[in-house]
Amino acid sequence: MNGGSGINMKEKIEEKKQQLIKLTSDFCDKCVDSEYSNLCEKLISKMSRKRNVPFMTGGIEIWAAAVIYSLGQINFLFDKSFKPYVSANDICNYFGTNQSTVSQKAKYIRDMFKMNCWDAEFSTNKMKGDNPFSKLVMLKSGLVVDIDTLASMMNKTINNREKKDLNGDSTEEPANKKSNQKNNKQKYLNDY
C-alpha cells in the first residue's frame, strides 16, 4: 500500500464519520436530547479508530440507526417509564431501515465495545447516577460491601485499636505511641 492510498482511506473514513455524526445529531436533536447526541458522536469517533472501521461497508443510515439503537439499549431509551423515550420502531422508521438489520448492527457495536447497562463510558448521566453497583467495592477477601458500610467498618476498627492502645494495652513509650498510631491507621486501612 503506498502512502497516497492510506491518506485517501483516512479521508474516506473521516467523510463517512462526519456523515454519520450529522445523521445521528439530526435524529437526537429532533427526538431525544443533546446528551445522546454527544454519546453518539463519541461512539462514532471510537468506531472510526478501529483497524477495520465497521461503517465503511453497508448503508450509512443503517449504521446511524444502529449507533442510536445500541446506546438506547444500554440506557433504557426504549422503556416508556424513562425520559427521554423513543421506540426502536421510531428509530428505524426515521432512517427508513429494517429493525432486524439495525438490531444486528447494534449488537455488533455493543459487542465490539463491550457495552452494557451502567457502562462507564457510554451511559447517560442519569444512568450513571442510578447505577446500583457504583457504591459497591470488593475487599481483598472477596466480600462485596457497600462503600458506606466499609467506611463504618474501618472507623470502628480504627477506633477500637486506638482505644486499646490508649488504655495501656500497649507497652510502647508515650513518645512513640502517637507516631505509631498514625502508622497503624494506615495499616488498618490497608487491611481492607
N, C-alpha and C. Protein backbone atom coordinates (compact mmCIF):
# COMPACT_ATOMS: atom_id res chain seq x y z
N MET A 1 0.85 -1.18 0.00
CA MET A 1 0.00 0.00 0.00
C MET A 1 0.89 1.23 0.00
N ASN A 2 0.68 2.12 -0.93
CA ASN A 2 1.50 3.33 -0.95
C ASN A 2 0.90 4.38 -0.04
N GLY A 3 1.69 5.42 0.25
CA GLY A 3 1.29 6.47 1.17
C GLY A 3 0.04 7.20 0.71
N GLY A 4 -0.13 7.38 -0.59
CA GLY A 4 -1.28 8.12 -1.11
C GLY A 4 -2.59 7.44 -0.84
N SER A 5 -2.66 6.12 -0.98
CA SER A 5 -3.92 5.42 -0.75
C SER A 5 -4.29 5.39 0.73
N GLY A 6 -3.27 5.40 1.62
CA GLY A 6 -3.53 5.45 3.06
C GLY A 6 -4.19 6.76 3.46
N ILE A 7 -3.70 7.84 2.89
CA ILE A 7 -4.28 9.16 3.16
C ILE A 7 -5.69 9.22 2.59
N ASN A 8 -5.86 8.68 1.40
CA ASN A 8 -7.17 8.65 0.76
C ASN A 8 -8.18 7.89 1.61
N MET A 9 -7.75 6.78 2.19
CA MET A 9 -8.63 5.97 3.04
C MET A 9 -9.00 6.74 4.31
N LYS A 10 -8.04 7.45 4.89
CA LYS A 10 -8.32 8.26 6.09
C LYS A 10 -9.35 9.34 5.77
N GLU A 11 -9.23 9.92 4.59
CA GLU A 11 -10.19 10.95 4.18
C GLU A 11 -11.58 10.35 4.00
N LYS A 12 -11.66 9.15 3.43
CA LYS A 12 -12.95 8.48 3.25
C LYS A 12 -13.58 8.16 4.60
N ILE A 13 -12.76 7.68 5.53
CA ILE A 13 -13.26 7.36 6.88
C ILE A 13 -13.79 8.63 7.54
N GLU A 14 -13.03 9.71 7.45
CA GLU A 14 -13.44 10.98 8.06
C GLU A 14 -14.73 11.49 7.44
N GLU A 15 -14.86 11.36 6.13
CA GLU A 15 -16.06 11.80 5.43
C GLU A 15 -17.29 11.01 5.90
N LYS A 16 -17.16 9.69 5.96
CA LYS A 16 -18.27 8.84 6.42
C LYS A 16 -18.59 9.12 7.89
N LYS A 17 -17.55 9.32 8.68
CA LYS A 17 -17.72 9.63 10.10
C LYS A 17 -18.56 10.90 10.25
N GLN A 18 -18.23 11.93 9.50
CA GLN A 18 -18.96 13.20 9.58
C GLN A 18 -20.41 13.03 9.12
N GLN A 19 -20.63 12.22 8.08
CA GLN A 19 -22.00 11.93 7.63
C GLN A 19 -22.80 11.25 8.73
N LEU A 20 -22.16 10.29 9.36
CA LEU A 20 -22.80 9.53 10.43
C LEU A 20 -23.12 10.44 11.62
N ILE A 21 -22.19 11.28 11.99
CA ILE A 21 -22.41 12.22 13.10
C ILE A 21 -23.57 13.16 12.77
N LYS A 22 -23.63 13.63 11.54
CA LYS A 22 -24.71 14.54 11.12
C LYS A 22 -26.07 13.83 11.22
N LEU A 23 -26.13 12.60 10.71
CA LEU A 23 -27.39 11.85 10.76
C LEU A 23 -27.86 11.61 12.19
N THR A 24 -26.95 11.17 13.05
CA THR A 24 -27.33 10.87 14.44
C THR A 24 -27.67 12.16 15.20
N SER A 25 -26.92 13.22 14.93
CA SER A 25 -27.20 14.50 15.60
C SER A 25 -28.57 15.03 15.22
N ASP A 26 -28.90 14.94 13.94
CA ASP A 26 -30.22 15.40 13.49
C ASP A 26 -31.34 14.63 14.20
N PHE A 27 -31.17 13.30 14.28
CA PHE A 27 -32.18 12.49 14.96
C PHE A 27 -32.28 12.88 16.44
N CYS A 28 -31.13 12.97 17.10
CA CYS A 28 -31.11 13.28 18.53
C CYS A 28 -31.71 14.66 18.82
N ASP A 29 -31.41 15.63 17.96
CA ASP A 29 -31.96 16.97 18.15
C ASP A 29 -33.48 16.96 18.03
N LYS A 30 -34.01 16.15 17.13
CA LYS A 30 -35.46 16.10 16.90
C LYS A 30 -36.20 15.20 17.90
N CYS A 31 -35.57 14.09 18.29
CA CYS A 31 -36.31 13.06 19.02
C CYS A 31 -35.80 12.73 20.42
N VAL A 32 -34.56 13.07 20.72
CA VAL A 32 -34.02 12.66 22.02
C VAL A 32 -33.49 13.90 22.75
N ASP A 33 -32.18 13.99 22.94
CA ASP A 33 -31.59 15.17 23.58
C ASP A 33 -30.11 15.30 23.22
N SER A 34 -29.50 16.36 23.69
CA SER A 34 -28.10 16.65 23.34
C SER A 34 -27.13 15.65 23.97
N GLU A 35 -27.50 15.10 25.10
CA GLU A 35 -26.61 14.11 25.74
C GLU A 35 -26.46 12.87 24.85
N TYR A 36 -27.56 12.42 24.28
CA TYR A 36 -27.49 11.28 23.34
C TYR A 36 -26.68 11.66 22.11
N SER A 37 -26.84 12.89 21.65
CA SER A 37 -26.08 13.36 20.50
C SER A 37 -24.58 13.28 20.79
N ASN A 38 -24.19 13.72 21.97
CA ASN A 38 -22.77 13.67 22.36
C ASN A 38 -22.27 12.23 22.49
N LEU A 39 -23.10 11.36 23.06
CA LEU A 39 -22.73 9.95 23.18
C LEU A 39 -22.58 9.30 21.81
N CYS A 40 -23.48 9.65 20.88
CA CYS A 40 -23.39 9.12 19.51
C CYS A 40 -22.08 9.54 18.87
N GLU A 41 -21.75 10.81 19.00
CA GLU A 41 -20.51 11.30 18.40
C GLU A 41 -19.29 10.61 19.01
N LYS A 42 -19.32 10.42 20.31
CA LYS A 42 -18.23 9.73 21.00
C LYS A 42 -18.08 8.28 20.49
N LEU A 43 -19.21 7.59 20.35
CA LEU A 43 -19.19 6.21 19.87
C LEU A 43 -18.73 6.13 18.42
N ILE A 44 -19.21 7.02 17.58
CA ILE A 44 -18.82 7.03 16.17
C ILE A 44 -17.32 7.31 16.04
N SER A 45 -16.82 8.25 16.82
CA SER A 45 -15.38 8.56 16.79
C SER A 45 -14.56 7.35 17.21
N LYS A 46 -15.04 6.65 18.21
CA LYS A 46 -14.33 5.45 18.66
C LYS A 46 -14.36 4.36 17.59
N MET A 47 -15.50 4.23 16.91
CA MET A 47 -15.62 3.24 15.83
C MET A 47 -14.66 3.59 14.69
N SER A 48 -14.49 4.88 14.43
CA SER A 48 -13.65 5.31 13.30
C SER A 48 -12.17 5.02 13.54
N ARG A 49 -11.80 4.77 14.79
CA ARG A 49 -10.39 4.47 15.10
C ARG A 49 -10.07 2.98 15.07
N LYS A 50 -11.08 2.16 14.82
CA LYS A 50 -10.85 0.72 14.74
C LYS A 50 -10.03 0.40 13.49
N ARG A 51 -9.28 -0.69 13.57
CA ARG A 51 -8.48 -1.12 12.41
C ARG A 51 -9.37 -1.33 11.19
N ASN A 52 -10.45 -2.08 11.38
CA ASN A 52 -11.45 -2.27 10.32
C ASN A 52 -12.68 -1.46 10.72
N VAL A 53 -12.79 -0.29 10.15
CA VAL A 53 -13.87 0.63 10.50
C VAL A 53 -15.20 0.03 10.02
N PRO A 54 -16.10 -0.31 10.95
CA PRO A 54 -17.31 -1.03 10.57
C PRO A 54 -18.23 -0.27 9.62
N PHE A 55 -18.36 1.04 9.78
CA PHE A 55 -19.32 1.78 8.96
C PHE A 55 -18.82 2.09 7.55
N MET A 56 -17.66 1.55 7.19
CA MET A 56 -17.17 1.75 5.81
C MET A 56 -17.88 0.83 4.83
N THR A 57 -18.56 -0.17 5.34
CA THR A 57 -19.38 -1.04 4.48
C THR A 57 -20.81 -0.96 4.97
N GLY A 58 -21.74 -1.14 4.08
CA GLY A 58 -23.15 -1.09 4.45
C GLY A 58 -23.70 0.31 4.35
N GLY A 59 -25.00 0.40 4.50
CA GLY A 59 -25.69 1.68 4.38
C GLY A 59 -25.43 2.58 5.58
N ILE A 60 -25.16 3.85 5.30
CA ILE A 60 -24.87 4.82 6.36
C ILE A 60 -26.08 5.01 7.28
N GLU A 61 -27.28 4.93 6.72
CA GLU A 61 -28.49 5.08 7.53
C GLU A 61 -28.64 3.92 8.52
N ILE A 62 -28.26 2.73 8.07
CA ILE A 62 -28.31 1.56 8.97
C ILE A 62 -27.36 1.76 10.14
N TRP A 63 -26.15 2.24 9.85
CA TRP A 63 -25.18 2.46 10.91
C TRP A 63 -25.64 3.58 11.85
N ALA A 64 -26.23 4.64 11.31
CA ALA A 64 -26.74 5.73 12.15
C ALA A 64 -27.80 5.20 13.11
N ALA A 65 -28.74 4.43 12.56
CA ALA A 65 -29.79 3.85 13.39
C ALA A 65 -29.19 2.89 14.43
N ALA A 66 -28.19 2.12 14.03
CA ALA A 66 -27.58 1.14 14.93
C ALA A 66 -26.82 1.80 16.07
N VAL A 67 -26.18 2.92 15.80
CA VAL A 67 -25.46 3.66 16.86
C VAL A 67 -26.46 4.13 17.92
N ILE A 68 -27.54 4.75 17.48
CA ILE A 68 -28.56 5.23 18.42
C ILE A 68 -29.23 4.06 19.13
N TYR A 69 -29.52 3.01 18.39
CA TYR A 69 -30.16 1.81 18.92
C TYR A 69 -29.28 1.18 20.02
N SER A 70 -27.99 1.05 19.76
CA SER A 70 -27.09 0.41 20.74
C SER A 70 -27.00 1.25 22.01
N LEU A 71 -26.91 2.57 21.87
CA LEU A 71 -26.88 3.44 23.05
C LEU A 71 -28.23 3.40 23.77
N GLY A 72 -29.30 3.35 22.99
CA GLY A 72 -30.64 3.28 23.57
C GLY A 72 -30.85 2.01 24.38
N GLN A 73 -30.31 0.92 23.90
CA GLN A 73 -30.48 -0.35 24.62
C GLN A 73 -29.81 -0.33 25.99
N ILE A 74 -28.63 0.24 26.09
CA ILE A 74 -27.94 0.23 27.39
C ILE A 74 -28.41 1.34 28.32
N ASN A 75 -29.16 2.32 27.77
CA ASN A 75 -29.64 3.44 28.58
C ASN A 75 -31.16 3.46 28.73
N PHE A 76 -31.82 2.34 28.39
CA PHE A 76 -33.27 2.19 28.55
C PHE A 76 -34.07 3.24 27.78
N LEU A 77 -33.58 3.61 26.61
CA LEU A 77 -34.29 4.57 25.77
C LEU A 77 -35.64 4.02 25.31
N PHE A 78 -35.76 2.69 25.21
CA PHE A 78 -36.98 2.06 24.72
C PHE A 78 -38.00 1.79 25.82
N ASP A 79 -37.70 2.18 27.05
CA ASP A 79 -38.58 1.97 28.19
C ASP A 79 -39.43 3.23 28.39
N LYS A 80 -40.76 3.07 28.30
CA LYS A 80 -41.67 4.21 28.40
C LYS A 80 -41.60 4.93 29.74
N SER A 81 -41.14 4.24 30.78
CA SER A 81 -41.07 4.87 32.10
C SER A 81 -39.83 5.76 32.24
N PHE A 82 -38.96 5.76 31.25
CA PHE A 82 -37.75 6.60 31.28
C PHE A 82 -37.93 7.80 30.37
N LYS A 83 -37.27 8.88 30.71
CA LYS A 83 -37.22 10.06 29.85
C LYS A 83 -35.78 10.28 29.46
N PRO A 84 -35.44 10.51 28.22
CA PRO A 84 -36.32 10.50 27.07
C PRO A 84 -36.72 9.07 26.68
N TYR A 85 -37.80 9.00 25.92
CA TYR A 85 -38.29 7.71 25.43
C TYR A 85 -38.44 7.78 23.91
N VAL A 86 -37.91 6.79 23.23
CA VAL A 86 -38.10 6.61 21.79
C VAL A 86 -38.17 5.10 21.57
N SER A 87 -39.08 4.64 20.73
CA SER A 87 -39.17 3.20 20.47
C SER A 87 -38.15 2.80 19.39
N ALA A 88 -37.84 1.54 19.36
CA ALA A 88 -36.94 1.01 18.33
C ALA A 88 -37.55 1.24 16.95
N ASN A 89 -38.87 1.09 16.84
CA ASN A 89 -39.55 1.34 15.56
C ASN A 89 -39.40 2.79 15.12
N ASP A 90 -39.46 3.72 16.08
CA ASP A 90 -39.31 5.14 15.75
C ASP A 90 -37.95 5.41 15.11
N ILE A 91 -36.91 4.80 15.66
CA ILE A 91 -35.55 4.98 15.13
C ILE A 91 -35.48 4.42 13.71
N CYS A 92 -35.96 3.21 13.54
CA CYS A 92 -35.89 2.55 12.23
C CYS A 92 -36.74 3.26 11.19
N ASN A 93 -37.91 3.72 11.59
CA ASN A 93 -38.77 4.46 10.67
C ASN A 93 -38.14 5.78 10.25
N TYR A 94 -37.52 6.46 11.19
CA TYR A 94 -36.87 7.74 10.90
C TYR A 94 -35.81 7.57 9.81
N PHE A 95 -35.02 6.51 9.93
CA PHE A 95 -33.92 6.27 8.97
C PHE A 95 -34.34 5.41 7.78
N GLY A 96 -35.57 4.88 7.80
CA GLY A 96 -36.03 4.03 6.71
C GLY A 96 -35.27 2.72 6.64
N THR A 97 -35.04 2.13 7.79
CA THR A 97 -34.25 0.89 7.87
C THR A 97 -35.08 -0.24 8.46
N ASN A 98 -34.58 -1.45 8.25
CA ASN A 98 -35.21 -2.67 8.76
C ASN A 98 -34.76 -2.88 10.21
N GLN A 99 -35.70 -3.09 11.12
CA GLN A 99 -35.36 -3.24 12.54
C GLN A 99 -34.45 -4.44 12.80
N SER A 100 -34.64 -5.52 12.07
CA SER A 100 -33.81 -6.71 12.25
C SER A 100 -32.35 -6.40 11.91
N THR A 101 -32.14 -5.71 10.80
CA THR A 101 -30.78 -5.35 10.39
C THR A 101 -30.14 -4.40 11.39
N VAL A 102 -30.90 -3.40 11.81
CA VAL A 102 -30.40 -2.42 12.77
C VAL A 102 -30.06 -3.10 14.09
N SER A 103 -30.91 -3.99 14.53
CA SER A 103 -30.68 -4.71 15.78
C SER A 103 -29.39 -5.53 15.71
N GLN A 104 -29.15 -6.18 14.59
CA GLN A 104 -27.91 -6.96 14.41
C GLN A 104 -26.67 -6.07 14.45
N LYS A 105 -26.74 -4.93 13.78
CA LYS A 105 -25.60 -3.99 13.78
C LYS A 105 -25.39 -3.41 15.18
N ALA A 106 -26.48 -3.13 15.88
CA ALA A 106 -26.38 -2.60 17.25
C ALA A 106 -25.71 -3.62 18.17
N LYS A 107 -26.06 -4.89 18.01
CA LYS A 107 -25.41 -5.93 18.82
C LYS A 107 -23.93 -6.00 18.48
N TYR A 108 -23.61 -5.88 17.21
CA TYR A 108 -22.21 -5.89 16.78
C TYR A 108 -21.45 -4.74 17.46
N ILE A 109 -22.04 -3.56 17.51
CA ILE A 109 -21.41 -2.40 18.15
C ILE A 109 -21.26 -2.64 19.65
N ARG A 110 -22.33 -3.12 20.30
CA ARG A 110 -22.26 -3.37 21.75
C ARG A 110 -21.19 -4.40 22.07
N ASP A 111 -21.10 -5.45 21.27
CA ASP A 111 -20.09 -6.48 21.49
C ASP A 111 -18.68 -5.94 21.25
N MET A 112 -18.53 -5.12 20.21
CA MET A 112 -17.23 -4.56 19.86
C MET A 112 -16.63 -3.76 21.01
N PHE A 113 -17.48 -3.00 21.70
CA PHE A 113 -17.00 -2.13 22.78
C PHE A 113 -17.40 -2.63 24.16
N LYS A 114 -17.91 -3.87 24.22
CA LYS A 114 -18.31 -4.48 25.49
C LYS A 114 -19.25 -3.55 26.27
N MET A 115 -20.22 -2.99 25.56
CA MET A 115 -21.18 -2.07 26.16
C MET A 115 -22.28 -2.83 26.89
N ASN A 116 -22.66 -2.34 28.07
CA ASN A 116 -23.77 -2.93 28.81
C ASN A 116 -24.40 -1.85 29.68
N CYS A 117 -25.46 -2.21 30.38
CA CYS A 117 -26.12 -1.24 31.25
C CYS A 117 -25.13 -0.71 32.29
N TRP A 118 -25.22 0.55 32.59
CA TRP A 118 -24.34 1.25 33.52
C TRP A 118 -22.90 1.26 33.03
N ASP A 119 -22.73 1.26 31.72
CA ASP A 119 -21.41 1.34 31.10
C ASP A 119 -20.78 2.67 31.50
N ALA A 120 -19.55 2.62 31.97
CA ALA A 120 -18.88 3.84 32.44
C ALA A 120 -18.66 4.85 31.33
N GLU A 121 -18.46 4.39 30.12
CA GLU A 121 -18.14 5.29 29.01
C GLU A 121 -19.36 5.76 28.23
N PHE A 122 -20.36 4.92 28.07
CA PHE A 122 -21.47 5.25 27.18
C PHE A 122 -22.84 5.36 27.86
N SER A 123 -22.87 5.45 29.17
CA SER A 123 -24.14 5.64 29.87
C SER A 123 -24.45 7.12 29.97
N THR A 124 -25.74 7.43 30.02
CA THR A 124 -26.16 8.80 30.26
C THR A 124 -25.86 9.15 31.72
N ASN A 125 -25.84 10.43 32.03
CA ASN A 125 -25.57 10.85 33.41
C ASN A 125 -26.62 10.29 34.37
N LYS A 126 -27.87 10.24 33.92
CA LYS A 126 -28.93 9.67 34.77
C LYS A 126 -28.64 8.21 35.08
N MET A 127 -28.24 7.46 34.07
CA MET A 127 -27.94 6.04 34.28
C MET A 127 -26.74 5.87 35.21
N LYS A 128 -25.74 6.69 35.04
CA LYS A 128 -24.56 6.61 35.93
C LYS A 128 -24.97 6.88 37.37
N GLY A 129 -25.86 7.87 37.56
CA GLY A 129 -26.33 8.21 38.90
C GLY A 129 -27.20 7.13 39.52
N ASP A 130 -27.93 6.40 38.68
CA ASP A 130 -28.82 5.34 39.17
C ASP A 130 -28.14 3.98 39.28
N ASN A 131 -26.86 3.92 38.97
CA ASN A 131 -26.14 2.65 38.96
C ASN A 131 -26.10 2.03 40.36
N PRO A 132 -26.75 0.89 40.56
CA PRO A 132 -26.75 0.27 41.89
C PRO A 132 -25.39 -0.30 42.29
N PHE A 133 -24.49 -0.43 41.35
CA PHE A 133 -23.18 -1.00 41.64
C PHE A 133 -22.11 0.05 41.92
N SER A 134 -22.44 1.32 41.76
CA SER A 134 -21.42 2.36 41.87
C SER A 134 -20.89 2.51 43.29
N LYS A 135 -21.65 2.06 44.28
CA LYS A 135 -21.20 2.20 45.67
C LYS A 135 -20.73 0.87 46.27
N LEU A 136 -20.47 -0.11 45.41
CA LEU A 136 -20.00 -1.40 45.91
C LEU A 136 -18.51 -1.55 45.66
N VAL A 137 -17.83 -2.13 46.63
CA VAL A 137 -16.39 -2.41 46.49
C VAL A 137 -16.13 -3.84 46.94
N MET A 138 -15.08 -4.43 46.39
CA MET A 138 -14.71 -5.78 46.78
C MET A 138 -13.48 -5.72 47.68
N LEU A 139 -13.59 -6.36 48.84
CA LEU A 139 -12.46 -6.44 49.76
C LEU A 139 -11.47 -7.49 49.28
N LYS A 140 -10.28 -7.49 49.86
CA LYS A 140 -9.28 -8.49 49.49
C LYS A 140 -9.79 -9.91 49.69
N SER A 141 -10.68 -10.07 50.66
CA SER A 141 -11.23 -11.39 50.97
C SER A 141 -12.24 -11.86 49.92
N GLY A 142 -12.65 -10.94 49.02
CA GLY A 142 -13.63 -11.29 48.01
C GLY A 142 -15.04 -10.88 48.38
N LEU A 143 -15.23 -10.41 49.59
CA LEU A 143 -16.53 -9.96 50.06
C LEU A 143 -16.87 -8.62 49.40
N VAL A 144 -18.08 -8.51 48.88
CA VAL A 144 -18.54 -7.26 48.27
C VAL A 144 -19.40 -6.53 49.29
N VAL A 145 -19.05 -5.26 49.57
CA VAL A 145 -19.79 -4.45 50.54
C VAL A 145 -20.07 -3.07 49.98
N ASP A 146 -21.09 -2.43 50.55
CA ASP A 146 -21.41 -1.05 50.22
C ASP A 146 -20.29 -0.16 50.78
N ILE A 147 -19.90 0.84 50.04
CA ILE A 147 -18.77 1.69 50.44
C ILE A 147 -19.07 2.41 51.76
N ASP A 148 -20.33 2.77 52.00
CA ASP A 148 -20.69 3.41 53.26
C ASP A 148 -20.50 2.44 54.43
N THR A 149 -20.85 1.18 54.22
CA THR A 149 -20.64 0.15 55.23
C THR A 149 -19.16 -0.04 55.49
N LEU A 150 -18.37 -0.02 54.43
CA LEU A 150 -16.92 -0.19 54.57
C LEU A 150 -16.33 0.95 55.39
N ALA A 151 -16.75 2.18 55.13
CA ALA A 151 -16.25 3.32 55.88
C ALA A 151 -16.58 3.16 57.37
N SER A 152 -17.80 2.72 57.65
CA SER A 152 -18.22 2.49 59.03
C SER A 152 -17.36 1.40 59.68
N MET A 153 -17.13 0.30 58.95
CA MET A 153 -16.32 -0.81 59.47
C MET A 153 -14.89 -0.33 59.77
N MET A 154 -14.35 0.45 58.86
CA MET A 154 -12.98 0.94 59.04
C MET A 154 -12.87 1.86 60.24
N ASN A 155 -13.84 2.76 60.40
CA ASN A 155 -13.82 3.67 61.54
C ASN A 155 -13.92 2.92 62.86
N LYS A 156 -14.79 1.91 62.93
CA LYS A 156 -14.92 1.11 64.15
C LYS A 156 -13.61 0.40 64.47
N THR A 157 -12.99 -0.18 63.46
CA THR A 157 -11.73 -0.91 63.66
C THR A 157 -10.65 0.03 64.16
N ILE A 158 -10.53 1.18 63.54
CA ILE A 158 -9.51 2.15 63.93
C ILE A 158 -9.77 2.65 65.36
N ASN A 159 -11.03 2.99 65.65
CA ASN A 159 -11.36 3.48 66.99
C ASN A 159 -11.12 2.42 68.05
N ASN A 160 -11.48 1.17 67.77
CA ASN A 160 -11.24 0.09 68.73
C ASN A 160 -9.75 -0.10 68.98
N ARG A 161 -8.94 -0.03 67.93
CA ARG A 161 -7.50 -0.20 68.08
C ARG A 161 -6.89 0.97 68.86
N GLU A 162 -7.38 2.18 68.57
CA GLU A 162 -6.85 3.35 69.28
C GLU A 162 -7.22 3.28 70.75
N LYS A 163 -8.46 2.88 71.06
CA LYS A 163 -8.89 2.74 72.46
C LYS A 163 -8.02 1.72 73.17
N LYS A 164 -7.76 0.63 72.49
CA LYS A 164 -6.93 -0.43 73.07
C LYS A 164 -5.54 0.12 73.37
N ASP A 165 -4.99 0.88 72.43
CA ASP A 165 -3.66 1.46 72.61
C ASP A 165 -3.66 2.51 73.73
N LEU A 166 -4.71 3.31 73.84
CA LEU A 166 -4.79 4.36 74.86
C LEU A 166 -5.05 3.79 76.25
N ASN A 167 -5.67 2.64 76.33
CA ASN A 167 -5.97 2.02 77.63
C ASN A 167 -4.76 1.31 78.22
N GLY A 168 -3.62 1.46 77.61
CA GLY A 168 -2.42 0.88 78.17
C GLY A 168 -2.19 -0.55 77.77
N ASP A 169 -2.90 -1.04 76.78
CA ASP A 169 -2.69 -2.40 76.32
C ASP A 169 -1.40 -2.49 75.52
N SER A 170 -0.74 -1.36 75.36
CA SER A 170 0.49 -1.33 74.59
C SER A 170 1.64 -1.06 75.53
N THR A 171 2.80 -1.62 75.26
CA THR A 171 3.98 -1.41 76.09
C THR A 171 4.91 -0.38 75.48
N GLU A 172 4.42 0.43 74.56
CA GLU A 172 5.26 1.42 73.89
C GLU A 172 5.48 2.63 74.78
N GLU A 173 6.55 3.34 74.51
CA GLU A 173 6.82 4.61 75.17
C GLU A 173 5.80 5.63 74.67
N PRO A 174 5.35 6.58 75.51
CA PRO A 174 4.36 7.57 75.09
C PRO A 174 4.78 8.39 73.85
N ALA A 175 6.05 8.70 73.72
CA ALA A 175 6.51 9.49 72.57
C ALA A 175 6.33 8.71 71.27
N ASN A 176 6.56 7.42 71.31
CA ASN A 176 6.42 6.58 70.12
C ASN A 176 4.96 6.23 69.82
N LYS A 177 4.14 6.27 70.88
CA LYS A 177 2.75 5.82 70.75
C LYS A 177 1.99 6.65 69.71
N LYS A 178 2.15 7.99 69.75
CA LYS A 178 1.40 8.87 68.84
C LYS A 178 1.81 8.63 67.38
N SER A 179 3.11 8.53 67.10
CA SER A 179 3.54 8.31 65.72
C SER A 179 3.14 6.91 65.25
N ASN A 180 3.15 5.95 66.14
CA ASN A 180 2.74 4.60 65.76
C ASN A 180 1.23 4.52 65.51
N GLN A 181 0.45 5.34 66.23
CA GLN A 181 -0.99 5.36 65.99
C GLN A 181 -1.28 5.81 64.57
N LYS A 182 -0.54 6.82 64.13
CA LYS A 182 -0.73 7.32 62.77
C LYS A 182 -0.37 6.22 61.76
N ASN A 183 0.74 5.53 61.98
CA ASN A 183 1.15 4.44 61.10
C ASN A 183 0.15 3.29 61.14
N ASN A 184 -0.40 3.03 62.33
CA ASN A 184 -1.37 1.95 62.48
C ASN A 184 -2.66 2.23 61.70
N LYS A 185 -3.08 3.51 61.68
CA LYS A 185 -4.28 3.87 60.92
C LYS A 185 -4.11 3.46 59.46
N GLN A 186 -2.94 3.78 58.91
CA GLN A 186 -2.70 3.43 57.51
C GLN A 186 -2.66 1.91 57.36
N LYS A 187 -2.06 1.21 58.33
CA LYS A 187 -2.00 -0.24 58.27
C LYS A 187 -3.40 -0.85 58.31
N TYR A 188 -4.29 -0.31 59.17
CA TYR A 188 -5.64 -0.82 59.26
C TYR A 188 -6.39 -0.58 57.97
N LEU A 189 -6.18 0.59 57.38
CA LEU A 189 -6.83 0.89 56.11
C LEU A 189 -6.38 -0.08 55.03
N ASN A 190 -5.10 -0.43 55.04
CA ASN A 190 -4.57 -1.37 54.04
C ASN A 190 -5.13 -2.77 54.22
N ASP A 191 -5.58 -3.09 55.44
CA ASP A 191 -6.17 -4.40 55.70
C ASP A 191 -7.44 -4.63 54.88
N TYR A 192 -8.10 -3.54 54.51
CA TYR A 192 -9.32 -3.64 53.73
C TYR A 192 -8.98 -3.66 52.29
